[in-house]
Amino acid sequence: MIEMIHGVSQEELETPYGQVALNFSLALLNHQYEKAHSYLGSAICDEWTPSLLKETYEGMVDYFEIPASAMSIDSVETHLPDNDSDSAMVYVSVIGEVNTEAVIVVVANESGNYLIQKLEWGRP
């Protein structure tokens, strides 16, 4: 079972940015790559196919001694350089018993839907 932990306020977690990042991350942790793909915006969805999401995510955590069992939304940053007023960067930790990794997503409003516009894999 996957546990959801959050280091942000409930208010930040409930923003469209926090919800998209949460749903995307839970899909990755549950190996639901088609579902994870559904949260990607038009600018990256052709590049990041479900099979590439699988390969990249599993490659990122393949050194975990015990599979990831929790995730944490650690920050929702809306004050970004060159940021329009309707986007945010969200830092998500992927937590195993011993190891931790991260996925950073930029979520923005795309034609009325909040979708991921950029992905960064691994801890910075």
Foldseek 3Di string as FASTA:
>chain_A
DAAEAEQDDPVLCPDLQNVLVVQLVVCVLVLVLVSNLVQADPQCSVVCDSVNSNVQSCVQCVVPPFRFRYKYFYDWAQDDVVHDNFKTKIWMWGDDPPDIWIKIFIWGQDPNHIGTHDIDTTDD
